[in-house]
Each structure stands twice: as C-alpha cells, then as structure tokens.
Protein backbone atom coordinates (compact mmCIF):
# COMPACT_ATOMS: atom_id res chain seq x y z
CA UNK A 1 0.00 0.00 0.00
CA UNK A 2 2.76 2.43 0.97
CA UNK A 3 4.68 1.65 -2.21
CA UNK A 4 1.58 2.29 -4.31
CA UNK A 5 1.00 5.63 -2.56
CA UNK A 6 4.59 6.71 -3.13
CA UNK A 7 4.47 5.62 -6.78
CA UNK A 8 1.29 7.64 -7.25
CA UNK A 9 2.40 10.77 -5.41
CA UNK A 10 5.97 11.20 -6.65
CA UNK A 11 4.97 12.07 -10.27
CA UNK A 12 2.41 14.56 -8.91
CA UNK A 13 5.07 16.18 -6.74
CA UNK A 14 7.32 16.31 -9.79
CA UNK A 15 4.56 17.95 -11.84
CA UNK A 16 3.99 20.52 -9.11
CA UNK A 17 7.71 21.21 -8.87
CA UNK A 18 7.92 21.68 -12.64
CA UNK A 19 4.97 24.08 -12.56
CA UNK A 20 6.41 26.15 -9.70
CA UNK A 21 9.81 26.16 -11.38
CA UNK A 22 8.26 27.61 -14.52
CA UNK A 23 6.39 30.23 -12.49
CA UNK A 24 9.53 31.43 -10.71
CA UNK A 25 12.35 30.82 -13.16
CA UNK A 26 10.60 32.93 -15.80
CA UNK A 27 11.09 35.99 -13.61
CA UNK A 28 14.73 35.07 -13.06
CA UNK A 29 15.35 34.79 -16.81
CA UNK A 30 13.51 38.02 -17.57
CA UNK A 31 15.35 39.77 -14.75
CA UNK A 32 18.60 38.93 -16.51
CA UNK A 33 17.37 40.17 -19.89
CA UNK A 34 15.44 43.31 -18.94
CA UNK A 35 15.57 46.20 -16.53
CA UNK A 36 13.57 46.61 -13.35
CA UNK A 37 10.77 48.56 -15.08
CA UNK A 38 10.14 45.89 -17.72
CA UNK A 39 10.28 43.14 -15.12
CA UNK A 40 7.73 45.10 -13.09
CA UNK A 41 5.37 45.28 -16.08
CA UNK A 42 5.66 41.53 -16.62
CA UNK A 43 5.14 40.75 -12.92
CA UNK A 44 2.06 42.98 -12.81
CA UNK A 45 0.47 41.40 -15.91
CA UNK A 46 1.40 37.87 -14.84
CA UNK A 47 0.11 38.20 -11.27
CA UNK A 48 -3.10 39.91 -12.39
CA UNK A 49 -3.97 36.98 -14.66
CA UNK A 50 -2.73 34.42 -12.13
CA UNK A 51 -5.12 35.64 -9.42
CA UNK A 52 -8.12 34.98 -11.63
CA UNK A 53 -6.75 31.68 -12.96
CA UNK A 54 -6.20 30.28 -9.46
CA UNK A 55 -9.77 31.22 -8.55
CA UNK A 56 -11.17 29.53 -11.65
CA UNK A 57 -9.07 26.40 -11.10
CA UNK A 58 -10.98 25.68 -7.90
CA UNK A 59 -13.98 24.61 -9.99
CA UNK A 60 -12.47 21.58 -11.80
CA UNK A 61 -10.76 20.46 -8.58
CA UNK A 62 -14.20 19.52 -7.27
CA UNK A 63 -14.43 16.89 -10.03
CA UNK A 64 -11.80 14.57 -8.55
CA UNK A 65 -13.96 12.75 -5.94
CA UNK A 66 -16.74 12.01 -8.47
CA UNK A 67 -14.32 10.87 -11.16
CA UNK A 68 -12.39 8.68 -8.72
CA UNK A 69 -15.60 6.98 -7.55
CA UNK A 70 -16.73 6.29 -11.11
CA UNK A 71 -13.33 4.82 -12.00
CA UNK A 72 -13.38 2.63 -8.87
CA UNK A 73 -16.88 1.39 -9.76
CA UNK A 74 -15.81 0.82 -13.38
CA UNK A 75 -18.69 2.93 -14.68
CA UNK A 76 -16.83 3.87 -17.84
CA UNK A 77 -19.77 5.22 -19.83
CA UNK A 78 -20.97 7.42 -16.99
CA UNK A 79 -17.38 8.50 -16.36
CA UNK A 80 -17.15 9.71 -19.96
CA UNK A 81 -20.50 11.48 -19.77
CA UNK A 82 -19.78 13.26 -16.47
CA UNK A 83 -16.34 14.32 -17.59
CA UNK A 84 -17.47 15.58 -21.00
CA UNK A 85 -20.28 17.64 -19.47
CA UNK A 86 -17.93 19.12 -16.89
CA UNK A 87 -15.27 19.73 -19.52
CA UNK A 88 -17.73 21.62 -21.73
CA UNK A 89 -18.83 23.85 -18.86
CA UNK A 90 -15.22 24.41 -17.85
CA UNK A 91 -14.57 25.55 -21.42
CA UNK A 92 -17.34 28.13 -20.92
CA UNK A 93 -15.68 29.33 -17.70
CA UNK A 94 -12.25 29.49 -19.36
CA UNK A 95 -13.69 31.40 -22.32
CA UNK A 96 -15.49 33.86 -20.04
CA UNK A 97 -12.35 34.44 -17.98
CA UNK A 98 -10.07 34.97 -20.98
CA UNK A 99 -12.50 37.24 -22.81
CA UNK A 100 -13.16 39.34 -19.70
CA UNK A 101 -9.47 39.81 -18.96
CA UNK A 102 -8.75 40.63 -22.61
CA UNK A 103 -11.61 43.10 -23.03
CA UNK A 104 -11.03 44.97 -19.79
CA UNK A 105 -7.22 44.85 -19.73
CA UNK A 106 -6.90 48.68 -19.89
CA UNK A 107 -9.45 49.16 -17.11
CA UNK A 108 -7.94 46.42 -14.93
CA UNK A 109 -4.53 48.00 -15.34
CA UNK A 110 -5.84 51.34 -14.10
CA UNK A 111 -7.97 49.89 -11.29
CA UNK A 112 -5.71 47.13 -10.01
CA UNK A 113 -2.45 48.96 -10.67
CA UNK A 114 -2.24 52.54 -11.85
CA UNK A 115 -1.93 54.47 -15.13
CA UNK A 116 1.84 54.03 -14.72
CA UNK A 117 1.37 50.37 -15.72
CA UNK A 118 -0.21 51.27 -19.08
CA UNK A 119 2.75 49.76 -21.03
CA UNK A 120 1.77 46.38 -19.54
CA UNK A 121 -1.64 46.34 -21.28
CA UNK A 122 -0.48 44.56 -24.51
CA UNK A 123 1.30 41.92 -22.41
CA UNK A 124 -1.74 41.54 -20.16
CA UNK A 125 -3.88 40.89 -23.24
CA UNK A 126 -1.51 38.18 -24.47
CA UNK A 127 -1.48 36.52 -21.05
CA UNK A 128 -5.28 36.80 -20.95
CA UNK A 129 -5.33 34.15 -23.69
CA UNK A 130 -3.59 31.64 -21.41
CA UNK A 131 -6.75 30.63 -19.45
CA UNK A 132 -8.33 29.47 -22.72
CA UNK A 133 -5.81 26.62 -22.55
CA UNK A 134 -4.60 26.44 -18.96
CA UNK A 135 -7.94 26.76 -17.16
CA UNK A 136 -9.54 24.44 -19.71
CA UNK A 137 -6.68 21.99 -19.08
CA UNK A 138 -7.48 21.50 -15.39
CA UNK A 139 -10.24 18.87 -15.87
CA UNK A 140 -7.72 16.76 -17.77
CA UNK A 141 -5.44 16.82 -14.73
CA UNK A 142 -8.29 15.65 -12.50
CA UNK A 143 -9.17 12.88 -14.96
CA UNK A 144 -5.61 11.60 -15.23
CA UNK A 145 -5.36 11.49 -11.44
CA UNK A 146 -8.65 9.60 -11.21
CA UNK A 147 -7.47 7.15 -13.87
CA UNK A 148 -4.29 6.58 -11.83
CA UNK A 149 -2.09 8.11 -14.51
CA UNK A 150 0.09 10.51 -12.48
CA UNK A 151 2.93 9.94 -14.93
CA UNK A 152 0.85 11.62 -17.62
CA UNK A 153 0.39 14.65 -15.35
CA UNK A 154 4.17 14.82 -14.91
CA UNK A 155 4.80 14.42 -18.64
CA UNK A 156 2.44 17.30 -19.45
CA UNK A 157 4.07 19.53 -16.82
CA UNK A 158 7.51 18.83 -18.28
CA UNK A 159 6.25 19.56 -21.81
CA UNK A 160 4.93 22.92 -20.62
CA UNK A 161 8.20 23.74 -18.88
CA UNK A 162 10.29 22.78 -21.90
CA UNK A 163 8.18 24.64 -24.47
CA UNK A 164 7.91 27.74 -22.31
CA UNK A 165 11.63 28.03 -21.65
CA UNK A 166 12.55 27.18 -25.20
CA UNK A 167 10.35 30.06 -26.33
CA UNK A 168 11.90 32.40 -23.76
CA UNK A 169 15.24 32.07 -25.48
CA UNK A 170 13.84 32.30 -29.02
CA UNK A 171 10.93 34.74 -28.79
CA UNK A 172 11.99 37.12 -26.02
CA UNK A 173 15.15 38.42 -27.77
CA UNK A 174 13.05 39.29 -30.85
CA UNK A 175 9.76 40.40 -29.26
CA UNK A 176 11.01 41.46 -25.84
CA UNK A 177 8.28 41.59 -23.17
CA UNK A 178 5.54 40.47 -25.51
CA UNK A 179 7.71 37.49 -26.38
CA UNK A 180 7.51 36.43 -22.73
CA UNK A 181 3.73 36.51 -22.98
CA UNK A 182 3.74 34.44 -26.16
CA UNK A 183 6.13 31.96 -24.49
CA UNK A 184 3.64 31.43 -21.65
CA UNK A 185 0.83 31.01 -24.15
CA UNK A 186 2.83 28.55 -26.27
CA UNK A 187 3.52 26.36 -23.24
CA UNK A 188 -0.13 26.37 -22.18
CA UNK A 189 -1.49 25.64 -25.68
CA UNK A 190 1.01 22.86 -26.40
CA UNK A 191 0.22 21.17 -23.09
CA UNK A 192 -3.52 21.51 -23.69
CA UNK A 193 -3.26 19.82 -27.09
CA UNK A 194 -1.07 17.09 -25.61
CA UNK A 195 -3.65 16.53 -22.86
CA UNK A 196 -6.38 16.11 -25.48
CA UNK A 197 -4.28 13.49 -27.24
CA UNK A 198 -3.32 11.69 -24.02
CA UNK A 199 -6.94 11.40 -22.88
CA UNK A 200 -7.97 10.31 -26.36
CA UNK A 201 -5.62 7.35 -25.87
CA UNK A 202 -6.84 6.59 -22.32
CA UNK A 203 -10.55 7.31 -22.94
CA UNK A 204 -11.29 7.37 -26.69
CA UNK A 205 -15.03 7.74 -26.15
CA UNK A 206 -16.08 11.36 -26.40
CA UNK A 207 -12.76 12.64 -27.78
CA UNK A 208 -14.52 14.24 -30.73
CA UNK A 209 -16.97 16.08 -28.48
CA UNK A 210 -14.14 17.32 -26.28
CA UNK A 211 -12.26 18.66 -29.29
CA UNK A 212 -15.45 20.26 -30.58
CA UNK A 213 -16.05 22.01 -27.24
CA UNK A 214 -12.53 23.45 -27.31
CA UNK A 215 -12.90 24.69 -30.88
CA UNK A 216 -16.31 26.20 -30.13
CA UNK A 217 -14.90 28.07 -27.14
CA UNK A 218 -12.07 29.41 -29.29
CA UNK A 219 -14.54 30.35 -32.03
CA UNK A 220 -16.68 32.20 -29.49
CA UNK A 221 -13.77 34.05 -27.89
CA UNK A 222 -12.05 35.27 -31.08
CA UNK A 223 -14.79 37.61 -32.42
CA UNK A 224 -15.50 38.98 -28.94
CA UNK A 225 -11.83 39.86 -28.49
CA UNK A 226 -11.75 41.41 -31.96
CA UNK A 227 -14.81 43.49 -31.09
CA UNK A 228 -13.10 44.62 -27.88
CA UNK A 229 -10.05 45.84 -29.80
CA UNK A 230 -12.31 47.73 -32.22
CA UNK A 231 -14.18 49.36 -29.34
CA UNK A 232 -10.97 50.48 -27.64
CA UNK A 233 -9.75 51.94 -30.92
CA UNK A 234 -12.97 53.94 -31.42
CA UNK A 235 -14.07 54.84 -27.88
CA UNK A 236 -12.49 55.82 -24.59
CA UNK A 237 -13.39 55.98 -20.92
CA UNK A 238 -16.91 55.15 -19.75
CA UNK A 239 -18.20 54.82 -23.32
CA UNK A 240 -15.69 52.06 -24.06
CA UNK A 241 -16.57 50.23 -20.83
CA UNK A 242 -20.31 50.44 -21.59
CA UNK A 243 -19.82 49.20 -25.15
CA UNK A 244 -17.76 46.25 -23.99
CA UNK A 245 -20.31 45.35 -21.32
CA UNK A 246 -22.94 45.18 -24.06
CA UNK A 247 -20.98 42.28 -25.57
CA UNK A 248 -21.96 40.06 -22.61
CA UNK A 249 -25.59 39.37 -23.69
CA UNK A 250 -24.42 38.61 -27.22
CA UNK A 251 -21.80 36.22 -25.83
CA UNK A 252 -24.35 34.34 -23.70
CA UNK A 253 -26.76 34.11 -26.64
CA UNK A 254 -23.99 32.75 -28.85
CA UNK A 255 -22.99 30.21 -26.18
CA UNK A 256 -26.55 28.85 -26.18
CA UNK A 257 -26.74 28.92 -29.98
CA UNK A 258 -23.59 26.85 -30.51
CA UNK A 259 -24.35 24.43 -27.66
CA UNK A 260 -21.67 25.39 -25.16
CA UNK A 261 -24.51 26.04 -22.70
CA UNK A 262 -27.61 23.85 -22.85
CA UNK A 263 -31.07 23.83 -21.23
CA UNK A 264 -29.93 20.79 -19.22
CA UNK A 265 -27.31 23.00 -17.55
CA UNK A 266 -30.06 25.38 -16.48
CA UNK A 267 -32.04 22.50 -14.97
CA UNK A 268 -29.02 21.44 -12.91
CA UNK A 269 -28.41 25.00 -11.73
CA UNK A 270 -32.07 25.44 -10.77
CA UNK A 271 -31.89 22.32 -8.58
CA UNK A 272 -28.86 23.47 -6.59
CA UNK A 273 -29.68 23.82 -2.86
CA UNK A 274 -29.10 27.40 -1.71
CA UNK A 275 -29.84 28.55 1.83
CA UNK A 276 -29.78 32.34 1.47
CA UNK A 277 -32.94 33.85 0.01
CA UNK A 278 -31.06 36.43 -2.05
CA UNK A 279 -28.95 33.68 -3.62
CA UNK A 280 -32.09 31.74 -4.53
CA UNK A 281 -33.66 34.82 -6.11
CA UNK A 282 -30.49 35.59 -8.06
CA UNK A 283 -30.27 31.98 -9.24
CA UNK A 284 -33.93 31.92 -10.28
CA UNK A 285 -33.66 35.18 -12.21
CA UNK A 286 -30.53 33.98 -14.00
CA UNK A 287 -32.10 30.60 -14.84
CA UNK A 288 -35.27 32.26 -16.11
CA UNK A 289 -33.28 34.63 -18.32
CA UNK A 290 -31.19 31.73 -19.59
CA UNK A 291 -34.32 29.74 -20.35
CA UNK A 292 -35.72 32.57 -22.45
CA UNK A 293 -32.45 32.80 -24.36
CA UNK A 294 -32.45 29.04 -24.93
CA UNK A 295 -35.99 29.22 -26.36
CA UNK A 296 -34.93 32.02 -28.70
CA UNK A 297 -32.03 30.10 -30.21
CA UNK A 298 -33.54 26.58 -30.06
CA UNK A 299 -35.44 26.87 -33.36
CA UNK A 300 -32.23 27.87 -35.11
CA UNK A 301 -30.55 24.67 -33.91
CA UNK A 302 -33.41 22.48 -35.09
CA UNK A 303 -32.67 20.90 -38.51
C-alpha cells in the first residue's frame, strides 16, 4: 500500500515542482534580460492573470472525488459522460475568464495597478489568452489522477516547462516583453493539445466532443476579443466600458446557440440547494433569463 502511494504521489510532486519552477524561473530569466521597469510590467500582468486563474481552477478540482468513484466502480460510460459535461462547462468558464481579462485589460490596469502600468496592457492581453488553454486543461489533470495516470500529469508539466523556456530564449530576444507573454501562451497551448491526445488514448469515447467544445470556445472568444479591440480603438473611458459590457448578452446568446450552454445545464443550476434567500432569487432570475435565451435560439438549432 505504501509503495503504491509513493508511486502515485511522486509524479504529482514532480509535476507541481515543474509548474512552480516555470512560475519562478521565468522571472529570473527576464530579470537577466530586462531592466527593473520591464520586469515590473511583466510581474504585474502575470500576477493579475494568475489571481483569476487560481480562482477559476478551484472549480475543476471539485471533479476529482466524483471521477475517482466512477473509476473505482468501473462505470466507464458514466465516467465519460460526467467528464465531458464538466469539460464543456469548464470551457465556458475558461472562455469567459479569458474574454473578460482581454476586453477589460486597460481598465484592470488602471484599477488594479495605476496608469503608470499602461505599457503592460499589450502583455496583459496576451497573457489573458492563457486561461483558454490552462484553465480548460485542469479537468484533464483531474481525470488523469482519477485514472491513476500521475505519470501523464508529470509528462504534461515537463512539456509545458520545456516549451515555455525554449520560447523564452527564441521569442523574447526578438519580441522582448511580448515574447515572454507568447512563451507562456505557447507552453499552455502545447500542453492543452497534448492533454487532449493523451486522454484520447486513455478514454477514446467522447474525444470528438471534447475537441469540438474546445474549438467552439475558441470560435466564441475570437470575435469577442476582436470586437473589444475595435471598441478600444474607437471609444475611450466610460463609453468604451459600456460598449464592452454590451458584448456580454451577445456572448451568452452565442454560447446557447452553438451548444456550449444547454437547457440541461439550467435545470441542474435550478436544482442546486441554496440557503440564502437572495442567492435563490439571483439563481432563479438567472435561470429564467437563460431559459428565455435558450428558447430564442432553439429553433435555429433544429434541422
């Protein structure tokens, strides 16, 4: 028993060490290449995104007990179904996080930092793309742990570390600070694709749906980010903030239309037990609004 525990935990410790090494060594490398001001811009952009990513990563962590139980009971079909549903919803969360950070990067820079950090906005927008891969990657980590494949978790962490640092020495000299952002994004995207392929080998059922969910999330995020850039180019101040907030209803409608959010999700949300009356009212209003949106787009999805 002890040997099995050690064999299971050591790769996970290695994966965590690789992740923390990447988080910290990047600043060491950039500190050698740039001055204090540039390093400060990178640290601000990186930590701003990281705060939101760590918060979002708490959601897929709750999957591990359910996935572990289904694996232990050898309920493979239900395991696939539960994971695919959770993965799709996690894609929605990752898309919402990335789009929000990207759209409101100038405002976040002023509110969280100060106008002095304005040069960090382009880097913040590049790093805002990372949750599309990294946050969406977290359910894979939970699944590999449930399937007793800690070595796969370690392999993916080492791939991320290698790609990221390889890009630091190739992209940063040419693109400077923005190259550091693209290096982080390259590591996250490469690992995300590798995780798709690894789970396709371990659990082939549903691989097409998982790939489709990822592509739909990317297809939803891209035009919203493009619209945000156009708004910032045309408007400023409160007008720009208001225009970008108006993108939210369109984004939710599109998520229903392409199937990233379904009426079944609303049913599950409506059944959640909430003790506070204000939380119940908020939930009911949100579910009712979502139901109306689903009815609007449902005819368009009917062949």
